[in-house]
Amino acid sequence: MLPIDLVLAGPGLEQRFLEELHFEHIGRRSIPFLSVENLIVTKVLAGRPKDLEDIRELLAIRGGTLDHRHIEELLSQLEAALDQNDLIPLYRRLRSQRR
């Protein structure tokens, strides 16, 4: 089963995520979903053990179809905004573990 996360959004990167939502019809409702790439970015940023496990699972299921460049571009923006340099290395380490 894929993870489900609720995201509260504000200006900036969150606004971009909202603009890139896709909708799935479940019953009579249209439910918004982040792209898998954007979900991975939020989970890398959170960095909790459960989030890292979710990323591993997503990479195992969808790794071959993911836009890894998009993920790394967003992580690079976050690193610059947060004055961090550990998000892309973490993502790359998780990717290398699935091979």
PDB file of N, CA and C in Angstrom:
ATOM      1  N   MET A   1       0.847  -1.164   0.000  1.00  0.00           N
ATOM      2  CA  MET A   1       0.000   0.000   0.000  1.00  0.00           C
ATOM      3  C   MET A   1       0.900   1.237   0.000  1.00  0.00           C
ATOM      4  N   LEU A   2       0.582   2.213  -0.832  1.00  0.00           N
ATOM      5  CA  LEU A   2       1.339   3.451  -0.885  1.00  0.00           C
ATOM      6  C   LEU A   2       0.946   4.347   0.274  1.00  0.00           C
ATOM      7  N   PRO A   3       1.888   5.167   0.751  1.00  0.00           N
ATOM      8  CA  PRO A   3       1.589   6.061   1.868  1.00  0.00           C
ATOM      9  C   PRO A   3       0.654   7.189   1.450  1.00  0.00           C
ATOM     10  N   ILE A   4      -0.104   7.678   2.404  1.00  0.00           N
ATOM     11  CA  ILE A   4      -0.964   8.838   2.197  1.00  0.00           C
ATOM     12  C   ILE A   4      -0.528   9.895   3.192  1.00  0.00           C
ATOM     13  N   ASP A   5      -0.252  11.085   2.683  1.00  0.00           N
ATOM     14  CA  ASP A   5       0.140  12.201   3.533  1.00  0.00           C
ATOM     15  C   ASP A   5      -0.746  13.388   3.216  1.00  0.00           C
ATOM     16  N   LEU A   6      -1.099  14.135   4.241  1.00  0.00           N
ATOM     17  CA  LEU A   6      -1.813  15.386   4.061  1.00  0.00           C
ATOM     18  C   LEU A   6      -0.781  16.500   4.095  1.00  0.00           C
ATOM     19  N   VAL A   7      -0.940  17.469   3.193  1.00  0.00           N
ATOM     20  CA  VAL A   7       0.024  18.559   3.105  1.00  0.00           C
ATOM     21  C   VAL A   7      -0.718  19.874   3.229  1.00  0.00           C
ATOM     22  N   LEU A   8      -0.281  20.703   4.169  1.00  0.00           N
ATOM     23  CA  LEU A   8      -0.801  22.055   4.285  1.00  0.00           C
ATOM     24  C   LEU A   8       0.151  22.949   3.509  1.00  0.00           C
ATOM     25  N   ALA A   9      -0.393  23.809   2.655  1.00  0.00           N
ATOM     26  CA  ALA A   9       0.459  24.561   1.740  1.00  0.00           C
ATOM     27  C   ALA A   9       0.429  26.054   2.027  1.00  0.00           C
ATOM     28  N   GLY A  10       1.534  26.683   1.669  1.00  0.00           N
ATOM     29  CA  GLY A  10       1.678  28.128   1.738  1.00  0.00           C
ATOM     30  C   GLY A  10       2.415  28.588   0.504  1.00  0.00           C
ATOM     31  N   PRO A  11       2.929  29.811   0.522  1.00  0.00           N
ATOM     32  CA  PRO A  11       3.626  30.331  -0.649  1.00  0.00           C
ATOM     33  C   PRO A  11       4.965  29.624  -0.868  1.00  0.00           C
ATOM     34  N   GLY A  12       5.496  29.759  -2.077  1.00  0.00           N
ATOM     35  CA  GLY A  12       6.795  29.165  -2.376  1.00  0.00           C
ATOM     36  C   GLY A  12       6.657  27.805  -3.001  1.00  0.00           C
ATOM     37  N   LEU A  13       7.495  26.893  -2.533  1.00  0.00           N
ATOM     38  CA  LEU A  13       7.516  25.544  -3.093  1.00  0.00           C
ATOM     39  C   LEU A  13       6.170  24.844  -2.934  1.00  0.00           C
ATOM     40  N   GLU A  14       5.517  25.095  -1.816  1.00  0.00           N
ATOM     41  CA  GLU A  14       4.208  24.493  -1.600  1.00  0.00           C
ATOM     42  C   GLU A  14       3.214  24.938  -2.676  1.00  0.00           C
ATOM     43  N   GLN A  15       3.316  26.210  -3.089  1.00  0.00           N
ATOM     44  CA  GLN A  15       2.438  26.706  -4.148  1.00  0.00           C
ATOM     45  C   GLN A  15       2.696  25.950  -5.453  1.00  0.00           C
ATOM     46  N   ARG A  16       3.961  25.685  -5.736  1.00  0.00           N
ATOM     47  CA  ARG A  16       4.305  24.906  -6.932  1.00  0.00           C
ATOM     48  C   ARG A  16       3.688  23.507  -6.848  1.00  0.00           C
ATOM     49  N   PHE A  17       3.778  22.898  -5.662  1.00  0.00           N
ATOM     50  CA  PHE A  17       3.178  21.579  -5.489  1.00  0.00           C
ATOM     51  C   PHE A  17       1.676  21.627  -5.776  1.00  0.00           C
ATOM     52  N   LEU A  18       1.008  22.675  -5.290  1.00  0.00           N
ATOM     53  CA  LEU A  18      -0.429  22.804  -5.532  1.00  0.00           C
ATOM     54  C   LEU A  18      -0.729  22.944  -7.017  1.00  0.00           C
ATOM     55  N   GLU A  19       0.111  23.679  -7.725  1.00  0.00           N
ATOM     56  CA  GLU A  19      -0.096  23.866  -9.159  1.00  0.00           C
ATOM     57  C   GLU A  19       0.119  22.569  -9.931  1.00  0.00           C
ATOM     58  N   GLU A  20       0.895  21.642  -9.379  1.00  0.00           N
ATOM     59  CA  GLU A  20       1.211  20.390 -10.051  1.00  0.00           C
ATOM     60  C   GLU A  20       0.373  19.202  -9.567  1.00  0.00           C
ATOM     61  N   LEU A  21      -0.661  19.473  -8.777  1.00  0.00           N
ATOM     62  CA  LEU A  21      -1.520  18.391  -8.295  1.00  0.00           C
ATOM     63  C   LEU A  21      -2.179  17.666  -9.462  1.00  0.00           C
ATOM     64  N   HIS A  22      -2.435  16.390  -9.268  1.00  0.00           N
ATOM     65  CA  HIS A  22      -3.310  15.673 -10.198  1.00  0.00           C
ATOM     66  C   HIS A  22      -4.459  15.120  -9.368  1.00  0.00           C
ATOM     67  N   PHE A  23      -5.564  14.901 -10.029  1.00  0.00           N
ATOM     68  CA  PHE A  23      -6.779  14.497  -9.335  1.00  0.00           C
ATOM     69  C   PHE A  23      -7.181  13.088  -9.748  1.00  0.00           C
ATOM     70  N   GLU A  24      -7.572  12.308  -8.757  1.00  0.00           N
ATOM     71  CA  GLU A  24      -8.084  10.961  -8.976  1.00  0.00           C
ATOM     72  C   GLU A  24      -9.527  10.940  -8.486  1.00  0.00           C
ATOM     73  N   HIS A  25     -10.364  10.283  -9.249  1.00  0.00           N
ATOM     74  CA  HIS A  25     -11.765  10.154  -8.839  1.00  0.00           C
ATOM     75  C   HIS A  25     -11.915   8.886  -8.015  1.00  0.00           C
ATOM     76  N   ILE A  26     -12.393   9.076  -6.806  1.00  0.00           N
ATOM     77  CA  ILE A  26     -12.644   7.971  -5.890  1.00  0.00           C
ATOM     78  C   ILE A  26     -14.109   8.090  -5.488  1.00  0.00           C
ATOM     79  N   GLY A  27     -14.888   7.140  -5.973  1.00  0.00           N
ATOM     80  CA  GLY A  27     -16.326   7.262  -5.778  1.00  0.00           C
ATOM     81  C   GLY A  27     -16.817   8.488  -6.524  1.00  0.00           C
ATOM     82  N   ARG A  28     -17.509   9.353  -5.830  1.00  0.00           N
ATOM     83  CA  ARG A  28     -18.011  10.585  -6.452  1.00  0.00           C
ATOM     84  C   ARG A  28     -17.134  11.789  -6.133  1.00  0.00           C
ATOM     85  N   ARG A  29     -16.005  11.539  -5.538  1.00  0.00           N
ATOM     86  CA  ARG A  29     -15.126  12.640  -5.134  1.00  0.00           C
ATOM     87  C   ARG A  29     -13.876  12.702  -6.004  1.00  0.00           C
ATOM     88  N   SER A  30     -13.393  13.894  -6.174  1.00  0.00           N
ATOM     89  CA  SER A  30     -12.139  14.118  -6.878  1.00  0.00           C
ATOM     90  C   SER A  30     -11.098  14.490  -5.820  1.00  0.00           C
ATOM     91  N   ILE A  31     -10.101  13.637  -5.645  1.00  0.00           N
ATOM     92  CA  ILE A  31      -9.123  13.782  -4.583  1.00  0.00           C
ATOM     93  C   ILE A  31      -7.801  14.274  -5.174  1.00  0.00           C
ATOM     94  N   PRO A  32      -7.240  15.377  -4.626  1.00  0.00           N
ATOM     95  CA  PRO A  32      -5.957  15.873  -5.145  1.00  0.00           C
ATOM     96  C   PRO A  32      -4.787  15.061  -4.592  1.00  0.00           C
ATOM     97  N   PHE A  33      -3.805  14.804  -5.450  1.00  0.00           N
ATOM     98  CA  PHE A  33      -2.597  14.071  -5.064  1.00  0.00           C
ATOM     99  C   PHE A  33      -1.364  14.811  -5.560  1.00  0.00           C
ATOM    100  N   LEU A  34      -0.337  14.809  -4.718  1.00  0.00           N
ATOM    101  CA  LEU A  34       0.975  15.269  -5.169  1.00  0.00           C
ATOM    102  C   LEU A  34       1.525  14.264  -6.162  1.00  0.00           C
ATOM    103  N   SER A  35       2.381  14.737  -7.041  1.00  0.00           N
ATOM    104  CA  SER A  35       3.098  13.784  -7.884  1.00  0.00           C
ATOM    105  C   SER A  35       4.005  12.960  -6.973  1.00  0.00           C
ATOM    106  N   VAL A  36       4.382  11.792  -7.424  1.00  0.00           N
ATOM    107  CA  VAL A  36       5.274  10.951  -6.629  1.00  0.00           C
ATOM    108  C   VAL A  36       6.592  11.690  -6.390  1.00  0.00           C
ATOM    109  N   GLU A  37       7.080  12.417  -7.400  1.00  0.00           N
ATOM    110  CA  GLU A  37       8.326  13.174  -7.240  1.00  0.00           C
ATOM    111  C   GLU A  37       8.208  14.212  -6.126  1.00  0.00           C
ATOM    112  N   ASN A  38       7.107  14.959  -6.123  1.00  0.00           N
ATOM    113  CA  ASN A  38       6.930  15.973  -5.088  1.00  0.00           C
ATOM    114  C   ASN A  38       6.726  15.350  -3.712  1.00  0.00           C
ATOM    115  N   LEU A  39       6.056  14.227  -3.665  1.00  0.00           N
ATOM    116  CA  LEU A  39       5.902  13.520  -2.398  1.00  0.00           C
ATOM    117  C   LEU A  39       7.267  13.107  -1.853  1.00  0.00           C
ATOM    118  N   ILE A  40       8.122  12.604  -2.719  1.00  0.00           N
ATOM    119  CA  ILE A  40       9.462  12.206  -2.292  1.00  0.00           C
ATOM    120  C   ILE A  40      10.219  13.405  -1.741  1.00  0.00           C
ATOM    121  N   VAL A  41      10.108  14.548  -2.393  1.00  0.00           N
ATOM    122  CA  VAL A  41      10.794  15.755  -1.912  1.00  0.00           C
ATOM    123  C   VAL A  41      10.332  16.104  -0.503  1.00  0.00           C
ATOM    124  N   THR A  42       9.021  16.052  -0.250  1.00  0.00           N
ATOM    125  CA  THR A  42       8.528  16.383   1.089  1.00  0.00           C
ATOM    126  C   THR A  42       9.034  15.386   2.128  1.00  0.00           C
ATOM    127  N   LYS A  43       9.152  14.132   1.725  1.00  0.00           N
ATOM    128  CA  LYS A  43       9.610  13.104   2.655  1.00  0.00           C
ATOM    129  C   LYS A  43      11.114  13.195   2.915  1.00  0.00           C
ATOM    130  N   VAL A  44      11.889  13.557   1.902  1.00  0.00           N
ATOM    131  CA  VAL A  44      13.325  13.782   2.128  1.00  0.00           C
ATOM    132  C   VAL A  44      13.493  14.930   3.112  1.00  0.00           C
ATOM    133  N   LEU A  45      12.741  15.994   2.922  1.00  0.00           N
ATOM    134  CA  LEU A  45      12.831  17.150   3.814  1.00  0.00           C
ATOM    135  C   LEU A  45      12.455  16.773   5.243  1.00  0.00           C
ATOM    136  N   ALA A  46      11.397  15.997   5.413  1.00  0.00           N
ATOM    137  CA  ALA A  46      10.990  15.589   6.763  1.00  0.00           C
ATOM    138  C   ALA A  46      12.056  14.694   7.391  1.00  0.00           C
ATOM    139  N   GLY A  47      12.546  13.728   6.625  1.00  0.00           N
ATOM    140  CA  GLY A  47      13.677  12.906   7.051  1.00  0.00           C
ATOM    141  C   GLY A  47      13.457  11.965   8.223  1.00  0.00           C
ATOM    142  N   ARG A  48      12.219  11.764   8.629  1.00  0.00           N
ATOM    143  CA  ARG A  48      11.958  10.832   9.730  1.00  0.00           C
ATOM    144  C   ARG A  48      12.138   9.399   9.241  1.00  0.00           C
ATOM    145  N   PRO A  49      12.419   8.475  10.131  1.00  0.00           N
ATOM    146  CA  PRO A  49      12.606   7.080   9.695  1.00  0.00           C
ATOM    147  C   PRO A  49      11.457   6.560   8.834  1.00  0.00           C
ATOM    148  N   LYS A  50      10.222   6.844   9.200  1.00  0.00           N
ATOM    149  CA  LYS A  50       9.069   6.378   8.415  1.00  0.00           C
ATOM    150  C   LYS A  50       9.077   7.017   7.030  1.00  0.00           C
ATOM    151  N   ASP A  51       9.440   8.296   6.942  1.00  0.00           N
ATOM    152  CA  ASP A  51       9.511   8.963   5.642  1.00  0.00           C
ATOM    153  C   ASP A  51      10.579   8.331   4.763  1.00  0.00           C
ATOM    154  N   LEU A  52      11.724   8.015   5.339  1.00  0.00           N
ATOM    155  CA  LEU A  52      12.799   7.394   4.572  1.00  0.00           C
ATOM    156  C   LEU A  52      12.383   6.007   4.090  1.00  0.00           C
ATOM    157  N   GLU A  53      11.648   5.281   4.919  1.00  0.00           N
ATOM    158  CA  GLU A  53      11.145   3.972   4.509  1.00  0.00           C
ATOM    159  C   GLU A  53      10.127   4.127   3.373  1.00  0.00           C
ATOM    160  N   ASP A  54       9.270   5.151   3.467  1.00  0.00           N
ATOM    161  CA  ASP A  54       8.318   5.421   2.391  1.00  0.00           C
ATOM    162  C   ASP A  54       9.047   5.713   1.085  1.00  0.00           C
ATOM    163  N   ILE A  55      10.130   6.492   1.153  1.00  0.00           N
ATOM    164  CA  ILE A  55      10.906   6.806  -0.047  1.00  0.00           C
ATOM    165  C   ILE A  55      11.488   5.530  -0.640  1.00  0.00           C
ATOM    166  N   ARG A  56      12.043   4.677   0.199  1.00  0.00           N
ATOM    167  CA  ARG A  56      12.585   3.400  -0.288  1.00  0.00           C
ATOM    168  C   ARG A  56      11.505   2.597  -1.020  1.00  0.00           C
ATOM    169  N   GLU A  57      10.314   2.561  -0.451  1.00  0.00           N
ATOM    170  CA  GLU A  57       9.221   1.825  -1.067  1.00  0.00           C
ATOM    171  C   GLU A  57       8.818   2.457  -2.401  1.00  0.00           C
ATOM    172  N   LEU A  58       8.720   3.779  -2.426  1.00  0.00           N
ATOM    173  CA  LEU A  58       8.369   4.461  -3.672  1.00  0.00           C
ATOM    174  C   LEU A  58       9.429   4.239  -4.744  1.00  0.00           C
ATOM    175  N   LEU A  59      10.695   4.268  -4.353  1.00  0.00           N
ATOM    176  CA  LEU A  59      11.772   4.014  -5.311  1.00  0.00           C
ATOM    177  C   LEU A  59      11.710   2.580  -5.833  1.00  0.00           C
ATOM    178  N   ALA A  60      11.372   1.644  -4.964  1.00  0.00           N
ATOM    179  CA  ALA A  60      11.274   0.248  -5.390  1.00  0.00           C
ATOM    180  C   ALA A  60      10.127   0.056  -6.378  1.00  0.00           C
ATOM    181  N   ILE A  61       9.028   0.742  -6.138  1.00  0.00           N
ATOM    182  CA  ILE A  61       7.838   0.579  -6.974  1.00  0.00           C
ATOM    183  C   ILE A  61       7.926   1.400  -8.254  1.00  0.00           C
ATOM    184  N   ARG A  62       8.383   2.652  -8.128  1.00  0.00           N
ATOM    185  CA  ARG A  62       8.308   3.596  -9.244  1.00  0.00           C
ATOM    186  C   ARG A  62       9.646   4.136  -9.708  1.00  0.00           C
ATOM    187  N   GLY A  63      10.749   3.607  -9.178  1.00  0.00           N
ATOM    188  CA  GLY A  63      12.070   4.166  -9.455  1.00  0.00           C
ATOM    189  C   GLY A  63      12.394   4.359 -10.914  1.00  0.00           C
ATOM    190  N   GLY A  64      11.994   3.424 -11.757  1.00  0.00           N
ATOM    191  CA  GLY A  64      12.313   3.515 -13.171  1.00  0.00           C
ATOM    192  C   GLY A  64      11.524   4.560 -13.928  1.00  0.00           C
ATOM    193  N   THR A  65      10.426   5.028 -13.353  1.00  0.00           N
ATOM    194  CA  THR A  65       9.581   6.004 -14.048  1.00  0.00           C
ATOM    195  C   THR A  65       9.655   7.397 -13.436  1.00  0.00           C
ATOM    196  N   LEU A  66      10.443   7.562 -12.382  1.00  0.00           N
ATOM    197  CA  LEU A  66      10.531   8.860 -11.701  1.00  0.00           C
ATOM    198  C   LEU A  66      11.398   9.838 -12.477  1.00  0.00           C
ATOM    199  N   ASP A  67      11.080  11.113 -12.331  1.00  0.00           N
ATOM    200  CA  ASP A  67      11.897  12.183 -12.895  1.00  0.00           C
ATOM    201  C   ASP A  67      12.894  12.608 -11.807  1.00  0.00           C
ATOM    202  N   HIS A  68      14.016  11.902 -11.759  1.00  0.00           N
ATOM    203  CA  HIS A  68      15.007  12.144 -10.704  1.00  0.00           C
ATOM    204  C   HIS A  68      15.613  13.542 -10.810  1.00  0.00           C
ATOM    205  N   ARG A  69      15.729  14.057 -12.021  1.00  0.00           N
ATOM    206  CA  ARG A  69      16.256  15.419 -12.189  1.00  0.00           C
ATOM    207  C   ARG A  69      15.326  16.441 -11.531  1.00  0.00           C
ATOM    208  N   HIS A  70      14.017  16.261 -11.708  1.00  0.00           N
ATOM    209  CA  HIS A  70      13.027  17.144 -11.083  1.00  0.00           C
ATOM    210  C   HIS A  70      13.168  17.092  -9.559  1.00  0.00           C
ATOM    211  N   ILE A  71      13.298  15.907  -9.022  1.00  0.00           N
ATOM    212  CA  ILE A  71      13.439  15.747  -7.572  1.00  0.00           C
ATOM    213  C   ILE A  71      14.688  16.480  -7.088  1.00  0.00           C
ATOM    214  N   GLU A  72      15.801  16.278  -7.767  1.00  0.00           N
ATOM    215  CA  GLU A  72      17.051  16.914  -7.331  1.00  0.00           C
ATOM    216  C   GLU A  72      17.021  18.427  -7.512  1.00  0.00           C
ATOM    217  N   GLU A  73      16.327  18.931  -8.535  1.00  0.00           N
ATOM    218  CA  GLU A  73      16.180  20.380  -8.698  1.00  0.00           C
ATOM    219  C   GLU A  73      15.421  20.981  -7.521  1.00  0.00           C
ATOM    220  N   LEU A  74      14.336  20.324  -7.120  1.00  0.00           N
ATOM    221  CA  LEU A  74      13.560  20.824  -5.981  1.00  0.00           C
ATOM    222  C   LEU A  74      14.357  20.722  -4.684  1.00  0.00           C
ATOM    223  N   LEU A  75      15.076  19.626  -4.514  1.00  0.00           N
ATOM    224  CA  LEU A  75      15.902  19.487  -3.309  1.00  0.00           C
ATOM    225  C   LEU A  75      17.001  20.537  -3.283  1.00  0.00           C
ATOM    226  N   SER A  76      17.554  20.875  -4.442  1.00  0.00           N
ATOM    227  CA  SER A  76      18.572  21.922  -4.521  1.00  0.00           C
ATOM    228  C   SER A  76      17.999  23.272  -4.096  1.00  0.00           C
ATOM    229  N   GLN A  77      16.780  23.570  -4.534  1.00  0.00           N
ATOM    230  CA  GLN A  77      16.120  24.809  -4.118  1.00  0.00           C
ATOM    231  C   GLN A  77      15.912  24.838  -2.609  1.00  0.00           C
ATOM    232  N   LEU A  78      15.500  23.717  -2.063  1.00  0.00           N
ATOM    233  CA  LEU A  78      15.308  23.639  -0.607  1.00  0.00           C
ATOM    234  C   LEU A  78      16.626  23.806   0.133  1.00  0.00           C
ATOM    235  N   GLU A  79      17.673  23.152  -0.353  1.00  0.00           N
ATOM    236  CA  GLU A  79      18.982  23.293   0.289  1.00  0.00           C
ATOM    237  C   GLU A  79      19.413  24.755   0.314  1.00  0.00           C
ATOM    238  N   ALA A  80      19.220  25.461  -0.793  1.00  0.00           N
ATOM    239  CA  ALA A  80      19.602  26.876  -0.853  1.00  0.00           C
ATOM    240  C   ALA A  80      18.759  27.712   0.104  1.00  0.00           C
ATOM    241  N   ALA A  81      17.459  27.460   0.126  1.00  0.00           N
ATOM    242  CA  ALA A  81      16.560  28.241   0.982  1.00  0.00           C
ATOM    243  C   ALA A  81      16.807  27.981   2.459  1.00  0.00           C
ATOM    244  N   LEU A  82      17.189  26.754   2.799  1.00  0.00           N
ATOM    245  CA  LEU A  82      17.362  26.369   4.202  1.00  0.00           C
ATOM    246  C   LEU A  82      18.820  26.390   4.651  1.00  0.00           C
ATOM    247  N   ASP A  83      19.717  26.773   3.731  1.00  0.00           N
ATOM    248  CA  ASP A  83      21.152  26.767   4.004  1.00  0.00           C
ATOM    249  C   ASP A  83      21.599  25.393   4.507  1.00  0.00           C
ATOM    250  N   GLN A  84      21.200  24.363   3.760  1.00  0.00           N
ATOM    251  CA  GLN A  84      21.549  22.981   4.052  1.00  0.00           C
ATOM    252  C   GLN A  84      22.273  22.407   2.842  1.00  0.00           C
ATOM    253  N   ASN A  85      22.971  21.312   3.045  1.00  0.00           N
ATOM    254  CA  ASN A  85      23.605  20.640   1.913  1.00  0.00           C
ATOM    255  C   ASN A  85      23.509  19.122   2.047  1.00  0.00           C
ATOM    256  N   ASP A  86      22.480  18.667   2.747  1.00  0.00           N
ATOM    257  CA  ASP A  86      22.371  17.236   3.018  1.00  0.00           C
ATOM    258  C   ASP A  86      21.182  16.547   2.357  1.00  0.00           C
ATOM    259  N   LEU A  87      20.325  17.293   1.672  1.00  0.00           N
ATOM    260  CA  LEU A  87      19.114  16.696   1.117  1.00  0.00           C
ATOM    261  C   LEU A  87      19.397  15.871  -0.141  1.00  0.00           C
ATOM    262  N   ILE A  88      20.153  16.433  -1.069  1.00  0.00           N
ATOM    263  CA  ILE A  88      20.479  15.685  -2.293  1.00  0.00           C
ATOM    264  C   ILE A  88      21.329  14.455  -1.964  1.00  0.00           C
ATOM    265  N   PRO A  89      22.363  14.576  -1.126  1.00  0.00           N
ATOM    266  CA  PRO A  89      23.113  13.367  -0.772  1.00  0.00           C
ATOM    267  C   PRO A  89      22.242  12.280  -0.134  1.00  0.00           C
ATOM    268  N   LEU A  90      21.287  12.678   0.697  1.00  0.00           N
ATOM    269  CA  LEU A  90      20.384  11.702   1.307  1.00  0.00           C
ATOM    270  C   LEU A  90      19.559  11.009   0.226  1.00  0.00           C
ATOM    271  N   TYR A  91      19.007  11.772  -0.686  1.00  0.00           N
ATOM    272  CA  TYR A  91      18.201  11.186  -1.755  1.00  0.00           C
ATOM    273  C   TYR A  91      19.049  10.241  -2.613  1.00  0.00           C
ATOM    274  N   ARG A  92      20.231  10.662  -2.954  1.00  0.00           N
ATOM    275  CA  ARG A  92      21.101   9.813  -3.779  1.00  0.00           C
ATOM    276  C   ARG A  92      21.468   8.524  -3.051  1.00  0.00           C
ATOM    277  N   ARG A  93      21.683   8.622  -1.747  1.00  0.00           N
ATOM    278  CA  ARG A  93      21.993   7.420  -0.962  1.00  0.00           C
ATOM    279  C   ARG A  93      20.800   6.455  -0.973  1.00  0.00           C
ATOM    280  N   LEU A  94      19.609   6.984  -0.810  1.00  0.00           N
ATOM    281  CA  LEU A  94      18.411   6.146  -0.842  1.00  0.00           C
ATOM    282  C   LEU A  94      18.239   5.501  -2.225  1.00  0.00           C
ATOM    283  N   ARG A  95      18.512   6.256  -3.273  1.00  0.00           N
ATOM    284  CA  ARG A  95      18.427   5.691  -4.636  1.00  0.00           C
ATOM    285  C   ARG A  95      19.432   4.572  -4.834  1.00  0.00           C
ATOM    286  N   SER A  96      20.639   4.767  -4.339  1.00  0.00           N
ATOM    287  CA  SER A  96      21.679   3.746  -4.548  1.00  0.00           C
ATOM    288  C   SER A  96      21.381   2.482  -3.759  1.00  0.00           C
ATOM    289  N   GLN A  97      20.659   2.577  -2.663  1.00  0.00           N
ATOM    290  CA  GLN A  97      20.328   1.426  -1.849  1.00  0.00           C
ATOM    291  C   GLN A  97      19.333   0.502  -2.538  1.00  0.00           C
ATOM    292  N   ARG A  98      18.558   0.996  -3.464  1.00  0.00           N
ATOM    293  CA  ARG A  98      17.529   0.175  -4.113  1.00  0.00           C
ATOM    294  C   ARG A  98      18.082  -0.624  -5.267  1.00  0.00           C
ATOM    295  N   ARG A  99      19.278  -0.342  -5.714  1.00  0.00           N
ATOM    296  CA  ARG A  99      19.841  -1.023  -6.893  1.00  0.00           C
ATOM    297  C   ARG A  99      20.386  -2.361  -6.548  1.00  0.00           C
TER     298      ARG A  99
END
